[in-house]
């Protein structure tokens, strides 16, 4: 079964912080570089990490940062 690939989480705010995490999509520089080579399972794993990074940094709207 062939369907649409997991889309990039890029929001066109491309700036890396001091930890090499994109301030827009929360992917690491390595994850951004490898995105085109990843299968959908790996892409979903990256999206989970992005959500966790956003939550920890307080950037996930409607969800308080965890201490």
N, C-alpha and C. Protein backbone atom coordinates (compact mmCIF):
# COMPACT_ATOMS: atom_id res chain seq x y z
N UNK A 1 0.84 -1.18 0.00
CA UNK A 1 0.00 0.00 0.00
C UNK A 1 0.89 1.23 0.00
N UNK A 2 0.69 2.10 -0.96
CA UNK A 2 1.49 3.30 -1.07
C UNK A 2 0.63 4.51 -0.75
N UNK A 3 1.05 5.30 0.20
CA UNK A 3 0.32 6.51 0.57
C UNK A 3 1.26 7.68 0.61
N UNK A 4 0.74 8.78 1.07
CA UNK A 4 1.56 9.98 1.20
C UNK A 4 2.61 9.76 2.27
N UNK A 5 3.79 10.27 2.02
CA UNK A 5 4.87 10.18 3.00
C UNK A 5 4.58 11.11 4.17
N UNK A 6 5.18 10.84 5.32
CA UNK A 6 5.06 11.73 6.46
C UNK A 6 5.71 13.05 6.07
N UNK A 7 4.95 14.15 6.11
CA UNK A 7 5.49 15.43 5.65
C UNK A 7 6.49 16.03 6.63
N UNK A 8 7.33 16.88 6.11
CA UNK A 8 8.30 17.59 6.92
C UNK A 8 7.57 18.53 7.88
N UNK A 9 8.07 18.65 9.11
CA UNK A 9 7.46 19.58 10.06
C UNK A 9 7.97 21.01 9.91
N UNK A 10 8.74 21.28 8.86
CA UNK A 10 9.32 22.60 8.65
C UNK A 10 8.22 23.67 8.61
N UNK A 11 8.45 24.76 9.34
CA UNK A 11 7.51 25.88 9.37
C UNK A 11 8.18 27.15 8.83
N UNK A 12 9.29 26.98 8.12
CA UNK A 12 10.02 28.08 7.48
C UNK A 12 10.54 29.11 8.46
N UNK A 13 10.83 28.66 9.67
CA UNK A 13 11.55 29.47 10.66
C UNK A 13 12.82 28.70 10.95
N UNK A 14 13.78 28.85 10.06
CA UNK A 14 14.97 28.00 10.07
C UNK A 14 16.14 28.69 10.75
N UNK A 15 16.30 28.42 12.03
CA UNK A 15 17.42 28.96 12.80
C UNK A 15 17.76 27.95 13.88
N UNK A 16 19.02 27.57 13.94
CA UNK A 16 19.45 26.60 14.94
C UNK A 16 19.84 27.31 16.23
N UNK A 17 19.47 26.72 17.36
CA UNK A 17 19.87 27.27 18.65
C UNK A 17 21.26 26.75 19.01
N UNK A 18 21.71 27.03 20.21
CA UNK A 18 23.07 26.64 20.63
C UNK A 18 23.25 25.12 20.73
N UNK A 19 22.13 24.37 20.76
CA UNK A 19 22.20 22.91 20.79
C UNK A 19 21.97 22.29 19.42
N UNK A 20 22.00 23.11 18.36
CA UNK A 20 21.76 22.66 16.99
C UNK A 20 20.35 22.08 16.81
N UNK A 21 19.38 22.69 17.49
CA UNK A 21 17.97 22.34 17.33
C UNK A 21 17.30 23.51 16.62
N UNK A 22 16.52 23.19 15.58
CA UNK A 22 15.83 24.25 14.84
C UNK A 22 14.76 24.88 15.73
N UNK A 23 14.77 26.19 15.79
CA UNK A 23 13.81 26.90 16.63
C UNK A 23 12.41 26.87 16.03
N UNK A 24 12.29 26.53 14.76
CA UNK A 24 10.98 26.45 14.12
C UNK A 24 10.33 25.08 14.27
N UNK A 25 11.03 24.04 13.82
CA UNK A 25 10.42 22.70 13.80
C UNK A 25 10.89 21.79 14.93
N UNK A 26 11.91 22.19 15.65
CA UNK A 26 12.46 21.42 16.77
C UNK A 26 13.23 20.17 16.36
N UNK A 27 13.60 20.07 15.07
CA UNK A 27 14.46 18.96 14.67
C UNK A 27 15.91 19.33 14.89
N UNK A 28 16.74 18.32 15.12
CA UNK A 28 18.17 18.56 15.22
C UNK A 28 18.73 18.77 13.81
N UNK A 29 19.91 19.35 13.73
CA UNK A 29 20.55 19.54 12.44
C UNK A 29 20.71 18.21 11.72
N UNK A 30 21.06 17.17 12.43
CA UNK A 30 21.21 15.83 11.83
C UNK A 30 19.87 15.32 11.31
N UNK A 31 18.80 15.51 12.08
CA UNK A 31 17.48 15.05 11.64
C UNK A 31 17.03 15.79 10.38
N UNK A 32 17.31 17.08 10.32
CA UNK A 32 16.96 17.87 9.13
C UNK A 32 17.72 17.34 7.92
N UNK A 33 19.01 17.10 8.10
CA UNK A 33 19.85 16.63 7.01
C UNK A 33 19.41 15.26 6.50
N UNK A 34 19.03 14.38 7.41
CA UNK A 34 18.67 13.01 7.04
C UNK A 34 17.21 12.83 6.63
N UNK A 35 16.36 13.83 6.84
CA UNK A 35 14.92 13.69 6.64
C UNK A 35 14.57 13.03 5.30
N UNK A 36 15.16 13.46 4.23
CA UNK A 36 14.85 12.93 2.91
C UNK A 36 15.22 11.47 2.73
N UNK A 37 16.10 10.94 3.58
CA UNK A 37 16.54 9.55 3.49
C UNK A 37 15.77 8.63 4.44
N UNK A 38 14.99 9.21 5.33
CA UNK A 38 14.28 8.43 6.36
C UNK A 38 13.03 7.77 5.79
N UNK A 39 12.72 6.58 6.34
CA UNK A 39 11.43 5.99 6.02
C UNK A 39 10.38 6.60 6.96
N UNK A 40 9.12 6.30 6.74
CA UNK A 40 8.06 6.94 7.52
C UNK A 40 8.13 6.59 9.01
N UNK A 41 8.55 5.39 9.34
CA UNK A 41 8.66 5.01 10.75
C UNK A 41 9.68 5.90 11.46
N UNK A 42 10.82 6.10 10.83
CA UNK A 42 11.85 6.95 11.44
C UNK A 42 11.37 8.40 11.51
N UNK A 43 10.67 8.85 10.48
CA UNK A 43 10.13 10.22 10.50
C UNK A 43 9.16 10.40 11.67
N UNK A 44 8.32 9.40 11.92
CA UNK A 44 7.39 9.49 13.05
C UNK A 44 8.14 9.56 14.39
N UNK A 45 9.23 8.81 14.50
CA UNK A 45 10.05 8.86 15.71
C UNK A 45 10.62 10.26 15.90
N UNK A 46 11.08 10.87 14.82
CA UNK A 46 11.61 12.24 14.88
C UNK A 46 10.51 13.20 15.34
N UNK A 47 9.30 13.05 14.81
CA UNK A 47 8.20 13.94 15.19
C UNK A 47 7.86 13.82 16.67
N UNK A 48 7.97 12.62 17.22
CA UNK A 48 7.76 12.43 18.67
C UNK A 48 8.83 13.20 19.44
N UNK A 49 10.09 13.09 19.00
CA UNK A 49 11.17 13.82 19.68
C UNK A 49 10.96 15.33 19.55
N UNK A 50 10.50 15.78 18.39
CA UNK A 50 10.24 17.22 18.20
C UNK A 50 9.18 17.71 19.17
N UNK A 51 8.12 16.92 19.32
CA UNK A 51 7.05 17.29 20.25
C UNK A 51 7.58 17.37 21.68
N UNK A 52 8.40 16.41 22.06
CA UNK A 52 8.99 16.43 23.42
C UNK A 52 9.90 17.63 23.60
N UNK A 53 10.70 17.95 22.61
CA UNK A 53 11.58 19.12 22.70
C UNK A 53 10.75 20.39 22.83
N UNK A 54 9.71 20.50 22.05
CA UNK A 54 8.85 21.69 22.10
C UNK A 54 8.18 21.80 23.47
N UNK A 55 7.74 20.68 24.01
CA UNK A 55 7.10 20.67 25.33
C UNK A 55 8.09 21.13 26.40
N UNK A 56 9.31 20.57 26.36
CA UNK A 56 10.32 20.93 27.36
C UNK A 56 10.72 22.40 27.28
N UNK A 57 10.73 22.94 26.08
CA UNK A 57 11.16 24.34 25.92
C UNK A 57 10.02 25.33 26.14
N UNK A 58 8.79 24.81 26.31
CA UNK A 58 7.64 25.69 26.49
C UNK A 58 7.09 26.24 25.19
N UNK A 59 7.53 25.68 24.06
CA UNK A 59 7.10 26.18 22.75
C UNK A 59 5.84 25.49 22.24
N UNK A 60 5.39 24.44 22.90
CA UNK A 60 4.19 23.73 22.46
C UNK A 60 2.98 24.46 23.02
N UNK A 61 2.21 25.08 22.16
CA UNK A 61 1.08 25.89 22.59
C UNK A 61 0.05 25.06 23.35
N UNK A 62 -0.42 25.64 24.45
CA UNK A 62 -1.45 24.99 25.22
C UNK A 62 -0.97 23.91 26.16
N UNK A 63 0.32 23.63 26.17
CA UNK A 63 0.88 22.59 27.04
C UNK A 63 1.99 23.22 27.86
N UNK A 64 1.83 23.25 29.19
CA UNK A 64 2.88 23.87 30.01
C UNK A 64 4.20 23.11 29.94
N UNK A 65 5.29 23.84 30.05
CA UNK A 65 6.62 23.23 30.07
C UNK A 65 6.75 22.36 31.31
N UNK A 66 7.40 21.22 31.17
CA UNK A 66 7.63 20.31 32.29
C UNK A 66 8.90 20.72 33.02
N UNK A 67 8.88 20.70 34.34
CA UNK A 67 10.09 21.04 35.07
C UNK A 67 10.87 19.84 35.51
